[in-house]
Each structure stands twice: as structure tokens, then as C-alpha cells.
N, C-alpha and C. Protein backbone atom coordinates (compact mmCIF):
# COMPACT_ATOMS: atom_id res chain seq x y z
N PHE A 1 0.84 -1.17 -0.01
CA PHE A 1 0.01 -0.04 0.02
C PHE A 1 0.91 1.25 -0.03
N GLU A 2 1.04 1.89 -1.12
CA GLU A 2 2.14 2.79 -1.21
C GLU A 2 1.80 4.17 -0.63
N VAL A 3 0.54 4.58 -0.56
CA VAL A 3 0.35 5.96 -0.03
C VAL A 3 -0.60 5.83 1.16
N PRO A 4 -0.51 6.98 2.03
CA PRO A 4 -1.33 6.92 3.23
C PRO A 4 -2.77 7.26 2.93
N VAL A 5 -3.54 6.97 3.86
CA VAL A 5 -5.03 7.29 3.74
C VAL A 5 -5.10 8.76 4.20
N ALA A 6 -5.87 9.62 3.41
CA ALA A 6 -5.95 10.93 3.82
C ALA A 6 -6.74 11.14 5.06
N PRO A 7 -6.14 11.87 6.03
CA PRO A 7 -6.75 12.12 7.32
C PRO A 7 -8.21 12.63 7.24
N ALA A 8 -8.98 12.40 8.21
CA ALA A 8 -10.35 12.97 8.24
C ALA A 8 -10.29 14.47 8.01
N GLY A 9 -11.24 15.05 7.20
CA GLY A 9 -11.26 16.43 6.94
C GLY A 9 -10.34 16.93 5.91
N THR A 10 -9.69 16.04 5.22
CA THR A 10 -8.81 16.36 4.13
C THR A 10 -9.20 15.57 2.87
N LYS A 11 -8.86 16.12 1.76
CA LYS A 11 -9.13 15.48 0.45
C LYS A 11 -8.09 14.53 -0.04
N PRO A 12 -8.45 13.51 -0.79
CA PRO A 12 -7.43 12.69 -1.42
C PRO A 12 -6.53 13.53 -2.37
N SER A 13 -5.29 13.10 -2.58
CA SER A 13 -4.39 13.89 -3.48
C SER A 13 -3.41 13.07 -4.18
N GLY A 14 -2.94 13.48 -5.24
CA GLY A 14 -1.87 12.86 -5.99
C GLY A 14 -0.53 13.47 -5.86
N TYR A 15 0.30 13.35 -6.81
CA TYR A 15 1.70 13.86 -6.71
C TYR A 15 1.66 15.42 -6.46
N PRO A 16 2.61 15.78 -5.55
CA PRO A 16 3.71 15.20 -5.00
C PRO A 16 3.43 14.52 -3.61
N LEU A 17 2.32 15.00 -2.95
CA LEU A 17 1.98 14.47 -1.60
C LEU A 17 0.76 13.72 -1.73
N PHE A 18 0.93 12.35 -1.60
CA PHE A 18 -0.33 11.50 -1.91
C PHE A 18 -1.21 11.35 -0.67
N GLY A 19 -2.42 10.95 -0.92
CA GLY A 19 -3.42 10.56 0.10
C GLY A 19 -4.59 9.92 -0.53
N THR A 20 -4.93 8.71 -0.07
CA THR A 20 -6.02 8.05 -0.78
C THR A 20 -7.27 8.01 0.26
N VAL A 21 -8.29 7.29 -0.31
CA VAL A 21 -9.54 7.22 0.46
C VAL A 21 -9.57 5.89 1.29
N ASP A 22 -10.23 5.95 2.37
CA ASP A 22 -10.48 4.77 3.20
C ASP A 22 -11.16 3.67 2.51
N ALA A 23 -12.01 4.03 1.54
CA ALA A 23 -12.75 3.03 0.72
C ALA A 23 -11.75 2.02 -0.07
N LEU A 24 -10.57 2.48 -0.40
CA LEU A 24 -9.60 1.59 -1.08
C LEU A 24 -9.22 0.57 -0.17
N VAL A 25 -8.95 0.81 1.14
CA VAL A 25 -8.65 -0.21 2.13
C VAL A 25 -9.76 -1.16 2.30
N GLY A 26 -11.02 -0.67 2.34
CA GLY A 26 -12.15 -1.44 2.54
C GLY A 26 -12.34 -2.44 1.34
N ALA A 27 -12.01 -1.90 0.15
CA ALA A 27 -12.06 -2.77 -1.05
C ALA A 27 -11.07 -3.94 -0.96
N LEU A 28 -9.86 -3.69 -0.45
CA LEU A 28 -8.89 -4.74 -0.33
C LEU A 28 -9.37 -5.76 0.65
N ALA A 29 -9.99 -5.34 1.78
CA ALA A 29 -10.65 -6.31 2.64
C ALA A 29 -11.72 -7.07 2.04
N ALA A 30 -12.56 -6.49 1.32
CA ALA A 30 -13.64 -7.11 0.58
C ALA A 30 -13.18 -8.20 -0.40
N GLN A 31 -12.04 -7.91 -1.00
CA GLN A 31 -11.51 -8.92 -1.98
C GLN A 31 -10.85 -10.06 -1.30
N GLY A 32 -10.64 -9.98 -0.01
CA GLY A 32 -10.16 -11.14 0.68
C GLY A 32 -8.60 -11.11 1.08
N TRP A 33 -8.02 -9.94 0.92
CA TRP A 33 -6.63 -9.78 1.25
C TRP A 33 -6.45 -9.86 2.83
N ASP A 34 -5.25 -10.38 3.29
CA ASP A 34 -5.06 -10.51 4.65
C ASP A 34 -4.49 -9.27 5.34
N GLY A 35 -3.71 -8.59 4.50
CA GLY A 35 -3.05 -7.36 4.92
C GLY A 35 -2.13 -6.81 3.81
N CYS A 36 -1.44 -5.70 4.16
CA CYS A 36 -0.51 -4.98 3.15
C CYS A 36 0.70 -4.54 3.85
N SER A 37 1.69 -4.32 3.02
CA SER A 37 2.85 -3.57 3.54
C SER A 37 2.49 -2.08 3.40
N THR A 38 2.87 -1.38 4.46
CA THR A 38 2.58 0.05 4.46
C THR A 38 3.76 0.98 4.41
N ALA A 39 4.96 0.45 4.51
CA ALA A 39 6.13 1.23 4.47
C ALA A 39 6.47 1.52 2.98
N SER A 40 6.59 2.77 2.69
CA SER A 40 7.05 3.24 1.34
C SER A 40 7.64 4.60 1.44
N ASN A 41 8.12 5.06 0.38
CA ASN A 41 8.63 6.42 0.27
C ASN A 41 7.53 7.49 0.34
N HIS A 42 6.21 7.08 0.37
CA HIS A 42 5.14 8.01 0.54
C HIS A 42 4.43 7.86 1.84
N SER A 43 4.95 7.07 2.80
CA SER A 43 4.22 6.73 4.08
C SER A 43 3.95 7.93 4.84
N VAL A 44 4.80 8.92 4.86
CA VAL A 44 4.56 10.12 5.67
C VAL A 44 4.23 11.38 4.85
N ASP A 45 3.71 11.12 3.58
CA ASP A 45 3.32 12.34 2.82
C ASP A 45 2.26 13.13 3.54
N ARG A 46 1.42 12.62 4.38
CA ARG A 46 0.40 13.29 5.08
C ARG A 46 0.76 13.47 6.64
N GLY A 47 2.05 13.31 6.86
CA GLY A 47 2.58 13.42 8.23
C GLY A 47 1.98 12.44 9.18
N GLU A 48 2.14 12.73 10.40
CA GLU A 48 1.70 11.73 11.49
C GLU A 48 0.20 11.41 11.41
N ALA A 49 -0.62 12.49 10.98
CA ALA A 49 -2.02 12.21 10.84
C ALA A 49 -2.32 11.24 9.80
N GLY A 50 -1.58 11.20 8.71
CA GLY A 50 -1.68 10.25 7.69
C GLY A 50 -1.34 8.84 8.03
N VAL A 51 -0.22 8.65 8.81
CA VAL A 51 0.10 7.45 9.38
C VAL A 51 -0.93 6.87 10.26
N GLU A 52 -1.47 7.71 11.11
CA GLU A 52 -2.58 7.28 12.04
C GLU A 52 -3.88 6.92 11.29
N ALA A 53 -4.15 7.70 10.20
CA ALA A 53 -5.38 7.40 9.50
C ALA A 53 -5.25 6.09 8.75
N THR A 54 -4.07 5.80 8.23
CA THR A 54 -3.79 4.60 7.47
C THR A 54 -3.94 3.45 8.45
N ILE A 55 -3.32 3.45 9.58
CA ILE A 55 -3.34 2.32 10.51
C ILE A 55 -4.69 2.20 10.95
N ALA A 56 -5.45 3.25 11.29
CA ALA A 56 -6.87 3.12 11.84
C ALA A 56 -7.85 2.49 10.76
N SER A 57 -7.54 2.83 9.44
CA SER A 57 -8.24 2.32 8.31
C SER A 57 -8.13 0.82 8.27
N PHE A 58 -6.76 0.38 8.25
CA PHE A 58 -6.44 -1.05 8.22
C PHE A 58 -7.04 -1.75 9.31
N ASP A 59 -6.91 -1.29 10.50
CA ASP A 59 -7.49 -1.94 11.65
C ASP A 59 -9.03 -2.01 11.70
N ALA A 60 -9.67 -0.93 11.18
CA ALA A 60 -11.13 -0.93 11.08
C ALA A 60 -11.67 -1.95 10.16
N HIS A 61 -10.87 -2.23 9.05
CA HIS A 61 -11.30 -3.18 8.04
C HIS A 61 -10.68 -4.58 8.31
N GLY A 62 -10.13 -4.75 9.44
CA GLY A 62 -9.55 -6.05 9.79
C GLY A 62 -8.40 -6.54 8.98
N LEU A 63 -7.57 -5.58 8.44
CA LEU A 63 -6.37 -6.07 7.66
C LEU A 63 -5.15 -5.86 8.58
N GLY A 64 -4.30 -6.79 8.29
CA GLY A 64 -2.85 -6.68 8.88
C GLY A 64 -2.12 -5.65 8.17
N HIS A 65 -1.07 -5.16 8.78
CA HIS A 65 -0.21 -4.12 8.22
C HIS A 65 1.16 -4.23 8.79
N ALA A 66 2.12 -3.96 8.00
CA ALA A 66 3.59 -3.97 8.40
C ALA A 66 4.24 -2.80 7.70
N GLY A 67 5.14 -2.08 8.53
CA GLY A 67 5.96 -1.07 7.95
C GLY A 67 5.71 0.32 8.55
N THR A 68 4.53 0.57 9.03
CA THR A 68 4.26 1.85 9.66
C THR A 68 3.58 1.47 10.99
N ALA A 69 3.72 2.45 11.94
CA ALA A 69 3.00 2.20 13.20
C ALA A 69 2.76 3.51 13.94
N VAL A 70 1.76 3.47 14.88
CA VAL A 70 1.44 4.72 15.62
C VAL A 70 2.10 4.66 17.01
N SER A 71 2.80 3.65 17.40
CA SER A 71 3.43 3.61 18.64
C SER A 71 4.60 2.66 18.47
N GLN A 72 5.58 2.79 19.47
CA GLN A 72 6.75 1.92 19.44
C GLN A 72 6.28 0.45 19.64
N ASP A 73 5.23 0.27 20.60
CA ASP A 73 4.76 -1.09 20.84
C ASP A 73 4.17 -1.71 19.65
N GLN A 74 3.58 -0.94 18.66
CA GLN A 74 3.00 -1.54 17.55
C GLN A 74 4.00 -1.73 16.38
N ASP A 75 5.21 -1.27 16.59
CA ASP A 75 6.22 -1.39 15.53
C ASP A 75 6.89 -2.73 15.51
N THR A 76 6.08 -3.83 15.12
CA THR A 76 6.58 -5.16 15.00
C THR A 76 6.13 -5.79 13.76
N PRO A 77 6.72 -6.91 13.39
CA PRO A 77 6.26 -7.64 12.27
C PRO A 77 4.77 -8.07 12.37
N GLN A 78 4.15 -8.12 11.35
CA GLN A 78 2.74 -8.58 11.37
C GLN A 78 2.77 -10.07 11.22
N LEU A 79 2.12 -10.72 12.11
CA LEU A 79 2.01 -12.30 12.13
C LEU A 79 0.68 -12.68 11.52
N TYR A 80 0.70 -13.53 10.51
CA TYR A 80 -0.55 -14.04 9.96
C TYR A 80 -0.63 -15.45 10.27
N ARG A 81 -1.75 -15.90 10.81
CA ARG A 81 -1.99 -17.36 10.97
C ARG A 81 -2.92 -17.76 9.81
N LEU A 82 -2.38 -18.56 8.93
CA LEU A 82 -3.19 -18.87 7.63
C LEU A 82 -3.33 -20.31 7.61
N THR A 83 -4.43 -20.68 6.95
CA THR A 83 -4.83 -22.08 6.60
C THR A 83 -5.01 -22.17 5.18
N ARG A 84 -4.18 -22.98 4.55
CA ARG A 84 -4.22 -23.15 3.05
C ARG A 84 -3.98 -24.66 2.74
N ALA A 85 -4.84 -25.16 1.89
CA ALA A 85 -4.80 -26.56 1.49
C ALA A 85 -4.82 -27.43 2.78
N GLY A 86 -5.57 -27.22 3.74
CA GLY A 86 -5.55 -28.08 4.97
C GLY A 86 -4.42 -27.82 5.92
N ARG A 87 -3.49 -27.00 5.62
CA ARG A 87 -2.36 -26.78 6.57
C ARG A 87 -2.50 -25.36 7.16
N THR A 88 -2.14 -25.31 8.43
CA THR A 88 -2.14 -24.08 9.15
C THR A 88 -0.68 -23.72 9.46
N PHE A 89 -0.37 -22.48 9.15
CA PHE A 89 0.97 -22.01 9.39
C PHE A 89 0.96 -20.46 9.70
N THR A 90 2.14 -20.06 10.22
CA THR A 90 2.30 -18.66 10.52
C THR A 90 3.40 -18.09 9.57
N VAL A 91 2.99 -16.84 9.10
CA VAL A 91 3.91 -16.11 8.24
C VAL A 91 4.08 -14.79 8.84
N ALA A 92 5.32 -14.26 9.01
CA ALA A 92 5.63 -12.93 9.55
C ALA A 92 5.90 -12.06 8.29
N HIS A 93 5.37 -10.92 8.42
CA HIS A 93 5.50 -9.93 7.33
C HIS A 93 6.15 -8.73 7.79
N LEU A 94 7.32 -8.33 7.26
CA LEU A 94 8.07 -7.11 7.60
C LEU A 94 8.06 -6.19 6.36
N SER A 95 8.20 -5.00 6.51
CA SER A 95 8.14 -4.10 5.37
C SER A 95 8.99 -2.84 5.67
N VAL A 96 9.92 -2.40 4.80
CA VAL A 96 10.76 -1.33 4.94
C VAL A 96 10.87 -0.46 3.61
N ALA A 97 11.16 0.76 3.79
CA ALA A 97 11.21 1.70 2.63
C ALA A 97 12.65 2.28 2.63
N TYR A 98 13.08 2.58 1.44
CA TYR A 98 14.43 3.17 1.32
C TYR A 98 14.50 4.58 1.72
N GLY A 99 13.44 5.28 1.90
CA GLY A 99 13.48 6.70 2.53
C GLY A 99 12.07 7.26 2.31
N THR A 100 11.94 8.65 2.54
CA THR A 100 10.58 9.26 2.49
C THR A 100 10.62 10.45 1.64
N ASN A 101 11.50 10.40 0.64
CA ASN A 101 11.55 11.55 -0.39
C ASN A 101 11.80 12.88 0.35
N GLY A 102 12.53 12.82 1.44
CA GLY A 102 12.87 14.07 2.17
C GLY A 102 11.93 14.53 3.15
N MET A 103 10.78 13.84 3.25
CA MET A 103 9.75 14.25 4.22
C MET A 103 10.15 13.87 5.59
N PRO A 104 9.99 14.68 6.66
CA PRO A 104 10.33 14.36 8.00
C PRO A 104 9.52 13.16 8.50
N VAL A 105 10.13 12.33 9.26
CA VAL A 105 9.51 11.15 9.89
C VAL A 105 9.16 11.58 11.33
N PRO A 106 7.82 11.58 11.70
CA PRO A 106 7.45 12.11 13.03
C PRO A 106 8.12 11.36 14.20
N HIS A 107 8.16 10.03 14.09
CA HIS A 107 8.81 9.18 15.17
C HIS A 107 9.58 8.06 14.56
N PRO A 108 10.45 7.46 15.21
CA PRO A 108 11.26 6.38 14.64
C PRO A 108 10.34 5.17 14.22
N TRP A 109 9.25 5.00 14.81
CA TRP A 109 8.39 3.84 14.46
C TRP A 109 7.36 4.26 13.43
N SER A 110 7.23 5.49 13.03
CA SER A 110 6.22 5.90 12.06
C SER A 110 6.30 5.27 10.74
N VAL A 111 7.46 4.97 10.32
CA VAL A 111 7.80 4.19 9.03
C VAL A 111 9.12 3.52 9.20
N ASP A 112 9.16 2.21 8.93
CA ASP A 112 10.39 1.42 8.96
C ASP A 112 11.26 1.62 7.76
N LEU A 113 12.40 2.20 8.02
CA LEU A 113 13.27 2.48 6.94
C LEU A 113 14.40 1.39 6.95
N MET A 114 15.10 1.31 5.87
CA MET A 114 16.12 0.25 5.61
C MET A 114 17.23 0.30 6.63
N ASP A 115 17.38 -0.71 7.49
CA ASP A 115 18.37 -0.80 8.46
C ASP A 115 18.60 -2.27 8.70
N ALA A 116 19.70 -2.74 8.25
CA ALA A 116 20.01 -4.17 8.10
C ALA A 116 19.97 -4.84 9.55
N ASP A 117 20.50 -4.24 10.54
CA ASP A 117 20.62 -4.79 11.88
C ASP A 117 19.23 -4.87 12.47
N ARG A 118 18.38 -3.83 12.23
CA ARG A 118 16.97 -3.88 12.78
C ARG A 118 16.22 -5.05 12.16
N VAL A 119 16.29 -5.11 10.86
CA VAL A 119 15.46 -6.06 10.08
C VAL A 119 15.93 -7.46 10.42
N ILE A 120 17.25 -7.66 10.65
CA ILE A 120 17.70 -8.95 11.11
C ILE A 120 17.12 -9.31 12.46
N ALA A 121 17.14 -8.35 13.25
CA ALA A 121 16.54 -8.57 14.65
C ALA A 121 15.08 -8.91 14.62
N GLN A 122 14.33 -8.15 13.72
CA GLN A 122 12.90 -8.39 13.56
C GLN A 122 12.65 -9.71 12.89
N ALA A 123 13.42 -10.11 11.89
CA ALA A 123 13.20 -11.48 11.30
C ALA A 123 13.50 -12.55 12.24
N THR A 124 14.50 -12.47 13.02
CA THR A 124 14.89 -13.45 14.07
C THR A 124 13.82 -13.61 15.00
N ALA A 125 13.21 -12.47 15.59
CA ALA A 125 12.12 -12.49 16.58
C ALA A 125 10.92 -13.10 15.84
N ALA A 126 10.64 -12.71 14.66
CA ALA A 126 9.43 -13.30 14.00
C ALA A 126 9.53 -14.86 13.78
N ARG A 127 10.69 -15.30 13.42
CA ARG A 127 10.83 -16.72 13.28
C ARG A 127 10.69 -17.40 14.66
N ALA A 128 11.18 -16.78 15.74
CA ALA A 128 11.00 -17.40 17.10
C ALA A 128 9.47 -17.39 17.45
N ALA A 129 8.78 -16.44 16.90
CA ALA A 129 7.39 -16.38 17.26
C ALA A 129 6.60 -17.39 16.42
N GLY A 130 7.19 -18.14 15.64
CA GLY A 130 6.45 -19.26 15.00
C GLY A 130 6.34 -19.16 13.54
N GLY A 131 6.94 -18.25 12.81
CA GLY A 131 6.71 -18.27 11.38
C GLY A 131 7.86 -17.81 10.55
N PRO A 132 7.91 -18.37 9.37
CA PRO A 132 8.94 -17.88 8.48
C PRO A 132 8.59 -16.37 8.04
N ALA A 133 9.59 -15.62 7.77
CA ALA A 133 9.32 -14.19 7.47
C ALA A 133 9.38 -13.94 6.08
N ARG A 134 8.67 -12.96 5.64
CA ARG A 134 8.57 -12.42 4.34
C ARG A 134 8.95 -10.99 4.46
N GLN A 135 9.85 -10.37 3.63
CA GLN A 135 10.29 -8.99 3.71
C GLN A 135 9.87 -8.31 2.46
N ARG A 136 9.17 -7.19 2.55
CA ARG A 136 8.86 -6.26 1.52
C ARG A 136 9.87 -5.17 1.52
N LEU A 137 10.58 -4.98 0.39
CA LEU A 137 11.48 -3.97 0.26
C LEU A 137 11.04 -2.93 -0.73
N GLY A 138 11.06 -1.68 -0.28
CA GLY A 138 10.69 -0.51 -1.25
C GLY A 138 12.09 0.22 -1.53
N LEU A 139 12.74 -0.24 -2.64
CA LEU A 139 14.03 0.28 -2.94
C LEU A 139 14.01 1.37 -4.03
N GLY A 140 12.83 1.73 -4.44
CA GLY A 140 12.80 2.92 -5.42
C GLY A 140 13.43 2.53 -6.76
N LEU A 141 13.38 1.43 -7.27
CA LEU A 141 14.09 1.06 -8.52
C LEU A 141 13.20 1.34 -9.80
N ARG A 142 11.96 1.72 -9.66
CA ARG A 142 11.16 1.87 -10.77
C ARG A 142 11.55 2.95 -11.77
N ILE A 143 12.49 3.74 -11.39
CA ILE A 143 12.81 4.94 -12.23
C ILE A 143 14.32 4.60 -12.91
N THR A 144 15.11 3.71 -12.37
CA THR A 144 16.38 3.52 -12.90
C THR A 144 16.46 2.40 -14.04
N ALA A 145 17.43 2.59 -14.93
CA ALA A 145 17.56 1.56 -15.97
C ALA A 145 18.29 0.39 -15.39
N TRP A 146 19.23 0.49 -14.49
CA TRP A 146 19.97 -0.61 -13.84
C TRP A 146 19.74 -0.65 -12.33
N ALA A 147 19.72 -1.76 -11.71
CA ALA A 147 19.59 -1.83 -10.32
C ALA A 147 20.80 -1.17 -9.60
N THR A 148 20.64 -0.72 -8.49
CA THR A 148 21.72 -0.05 -7.78
C THR A 148 22.52 -1.00 -6.97
N ALA A 149 23.64 -0.57 -6.53
CA ALA A 149 24.52 -1.40 -5.63
C ALA A 149 23.68 -1.63 -4.29
N ALA A 150 22.86 -0.73 -3.83
CA ALA A 150 22.02 -0.87 -2.68
C ALA A 150 21.11 -2.14 -2.84
N TYR A 151 20.49 -2.15 -4.10
CA TYR A 151 19.51 -3.28 -4.27
C TYR A 151 20.31 -4.65 -4.22
N VAL A 152 21.52 -4.70 -4.86
CA VAL A 152 22.19 -5.90 -4.92
C VAL A 152 22.46 -6.36 -3.46
N GLY A 153 22.96 -5.41 -2.67
CA GLY A 153 23.36 -5.68 -1.27
C GLY A 153 22.14 -6.08 -0.43
N TRP A 154 21.03 -5.40 -0.59
CA TRP A 154 19.90 -5.79 0.22
C TRP A 154 19.35 -7.10 -0.15
N VAL A 155 19.22 -7.40 -1.46
CA VAL A 155 18.76 -8.65 -1.89
C VAL A 155 19.62 -9.76 -1.41
N ALA A 156 20.97 -9.57 -1.49
CA ALA A 156 22.05 -10.63 -1.03
C ALA A 156 21.79 -10.84 0.40
N ILE A 157 21.70 -9.67 1.23
CA ILE A 157 21.53 -9.94 2.62
C ILE A 157 20.29 -10.75 2.98
N TYR A 158 19.15 -10.27 2.49
CA TYR A 158 17.87 -10.97 2.81
C TYR A 158 17.82 -12.40 2.31
N GLU A 159 18.04 -12.49 1.04
CA GLU A 159 17.70 -13.77 0.41
C GLU A 159 18.76 -14.78 0.52
N ILE A 160 20.02 -14.35 0.45
CA ILE A 160 21.08 -15.36 0.46
C ILE A 160 21.69 -15.51 1.84
N VAL A 161 21.84 -14.58 2.68
CA VAL A 161 22.32 -14.71 3.98
C VAL A 161 21.26 -15.12 4.96
N LEU A 162 20.09 -14.46 4.97
CA LEU A 162 19.05 -14.71 5.99
C LEU A 162 18.02 -15.77 5.42
N HIS A 163 18.05 -16.14 4.25
CA HIS A 163 17.06 -16.99 3.65
C HIS A 163 15.57 -16.42 3.82
N LEU A 164 15.56 -15.09 3.71
CA LEU A 164 14.38 -14.26 3.93
C LEU A 164 13.85 -13.81 2.56
N PRO A 165 12.81 -14.48 1.98
CA PRO A 165 12.36 -14.07 0.64
C PRO A 165 11.86 -12.62 0.63
N VAL A 166 12.23 -11.97 -0.46
CA VAL A 166 11.97 -10.57 -0.66
C VAL A 166 10.70 -10.39 -1.64
N ILE A 167 9.66 -9.54 -1.18
CA ILE A 167 8.64 -9.30 -2.05
C ILE A 167 8.84 -7.80 -2.55
N PRO A 168 9.07 -7.63 -3.76
CA PRO A 168 9.47 -6.21 -4.25
C PRO A 168 8.38 -5.27 -3.93
N GLY A 169 8.84 -3.95 -3.76
CA GLY A 169 8.02 -2.86 -3.36
C GLY A 169 7.24 -2.34 -4.51
N HIS A 170 7.79 -2.45 -5.75
CA HIS A 170 7.12 -1.96 -6.93
C HIS A 170 7.14 -3.09 -7.91
N ALA A 171 6.12 -3.13 -8.78
CA ALA A 171 6.05 -4.19 -9.78
C ALA A 171 7.28 -4.32 -10.67
N GLU A 172 7.93 -3.16 -10.93
CA GLU A 172 9.07 -3.11 -11.77
C GLU A 172 10.25 -3.79 -11.14
N GLU A 173 10.27 -3.99 -9.84
CA GLU A 173 11.44 -4.62 -9.09
C GLU A 173 11.50 -6.00 -9.25
N LEU A 174 10.42 -6.72 -9.58
CA LEU A 174 10.50 -8.14 -9.62
C LEU A 174 11.47 -8.72 -10.57
N PRO A 175 11.58 -8.33 -11.79
CA PRO A 175 12.61 -9.01 -12.74
C PRO A 175 13.93 -8.78 -12.14
N TRP A 176 14.33 -7.57 -11.55
CA TRP A 176 15.60 -7.38 -11.02
C TRP A 176 15.93 -8.30 -9.84
N ARG A 177 14.93 -8.42 -8.91
CA ARG A 177 15.15 -9.24 -7.82
C ARG A 177 15.37 -10.73 -8.26
N HIS A 178 14.54 -11.26 -9.23
CA HIS A 178 14.79 -12.61 -9.64
C HIS A 178 16.18 -12.78 -10.36
N TRP A 179 16.49 -11.77 -11.24
CA TRP A 179 17.84 -11.91 -11.93
C TRP A 179 18.92 -12.02 -10.88
N PHE A 180 18.94 -11.06 -9.86
CA PHE A 180 20.09 -11.05 -8.90
C PHE A 180 20.13 -12.25 -8.09
N VAL A 181 18.88 -12.63 -7.54
CA VAL A 181 18.90 -13.87 -6.78
C VAL A 181 19.50 -15.07 -7.49
N GLU A 182 19.01 -15.27 -8.70
CA GLU A 182 19.49 -16.37 -9.52
C GLU A 182 20.90 -16.29 -9.90
N THR A 183 21.38 -15.13 -10.15
CA THR A 183 22.78 -14.89 -10.47
C THR A 183 23.59 -15.23 -9.29
N ILE A 184 23.26 -14.67 -8.07
CA ILE A 184 24.05 -14.95 -6.92
C ILE A 184 24.06 -16.43 -6.51
N ARG A 185 22.87 -17.08 -6.60
CA ARG A 185 22.84 -18.52 -6.27
C ARG A 185 23.59 -19.38 -7.22
N ASP A 186 23.64 -18.93 -8.49
CA ASP A 186 24.30 -19.70 -9.50
C ASP A 186 25.86 -19.42 -9.48
N GLY A 187 26.28 -18.51 -8.64
CA GLY A 187 27.69 -18.20 -8.51
C GLY A 187 28.27 -17.26 -9.62
N ARG A 188 27.28 -16.73 -10.40
CA ARG A 188 27.79 -15.77 -11.41
C ARG A 188 28.10 -14.33 -10.88
N THR A 189 29.04 -13.71 -11.29
CA THR A 189 29.34 -12.35 -10.77
C THR A 189 29.38 -11.28 -11.86
N ASN A 190 28.72 -11.60 -12.91
CA ASN A 190 28.77 -10.62 -14.04
C ASN A 190 27.67 -9.66 -13.97
N PHE A 191 27.62 -8.82 -12.91
CA PHE A 191 26.62 -7.85 -12.72
C PHE A 191 26.76 -6.76 -13.80
N PRO A 192 25.60 -6.15 -14.29
CA PRO A 192 25.72 -5.13 -15.30
C PRO A 192 26.29 -3.83 -14.62
């Protein structure tokens, strides 16, 4: 979920400071989604009030969320207890963003930003709580022709070292993630 819900009394907006309607979150719930990543470069476009409105909307519609929080206590991976094909299991969902486009972050827990030590600690705690973790990375690669060194490093840390599958933050990131993971696993080093 890339943009915040517009706080009460404000209108939805587009570029450069986004804000969407609560009904979009309701539509996701109606379609059967369990939850969403909420950390992105636009998480704080509407300030603290936008983070609060987004979390309130997700909570009101019964959806899980990872990546933004309204308190330090809430800033934890989202655990989902799922039943699929007769099996019940727990999946931990973590979400981080590369930055906030220069927007100030109200509190350290307002949006989870890329910090390897913090994410490793969260993933370790999530696994101890009973579930394999899935990490959503918002690396901002949708504008670049080639992946950045940061992307290579983050994918390598998460997927190769931690065995923590990465869910790309933007649709355009998926081919890069797959290419790098397969290249690293196959032992190739011919990065572009």
C-alpha cells in the first residue's frame, strides 16, 4: 500500500504528496486480502495524521499491516496465521522503505526504513514467534535503468544470507530481484 489514507477532513491527493480514500482499504478487505505492506517512500506524505489514518483504516477493516506504526509497541512484524490446503501455518510480514523523499519522519516507528541490523533482529524475533518471515523492500528502482548497488546488497543480505524471501516494493522490481537472486545463487558475478 504505497500511499497513506488521507486524514479526516482532508481530500485525497496525488503527486507530489499522496493521500487516498479509506474505501480503497475497505475494497482490499472485501477482496479477501489478509493485509498489506505500508512502508513506502510516501508513508509520511500526510505526516503523523496520515500514518494514524492509514493504521486506523487497516484496523477498522480487519487487515494486517507492516511497515508503519502509531506507537513503538505496535512497531513489530505482522504475524498471519493462515490455513491453506488443509495446513495451518504462521507467516511474519516485515516491510521497509528506502526513504521518505525528504519528508520528515514524526517518530522512529512511524515508518520502517532500511536498517539491516534492525530487520535482522525483527526477522529473528518473527521466526522465534512461529513463522517464516517475508520481507517487502521498497528500494525505489522503478525509475532507474539498472539496479543500484544498494539493491544488490539488500537482496543478497535478505535472500542469500538470511534466507528471507523478498517481495518487491514496486512491480518493476520483480525482474531485477529474480535476476540478482538467480545470479548470486548460481555463482555468477557478471553484474551489469
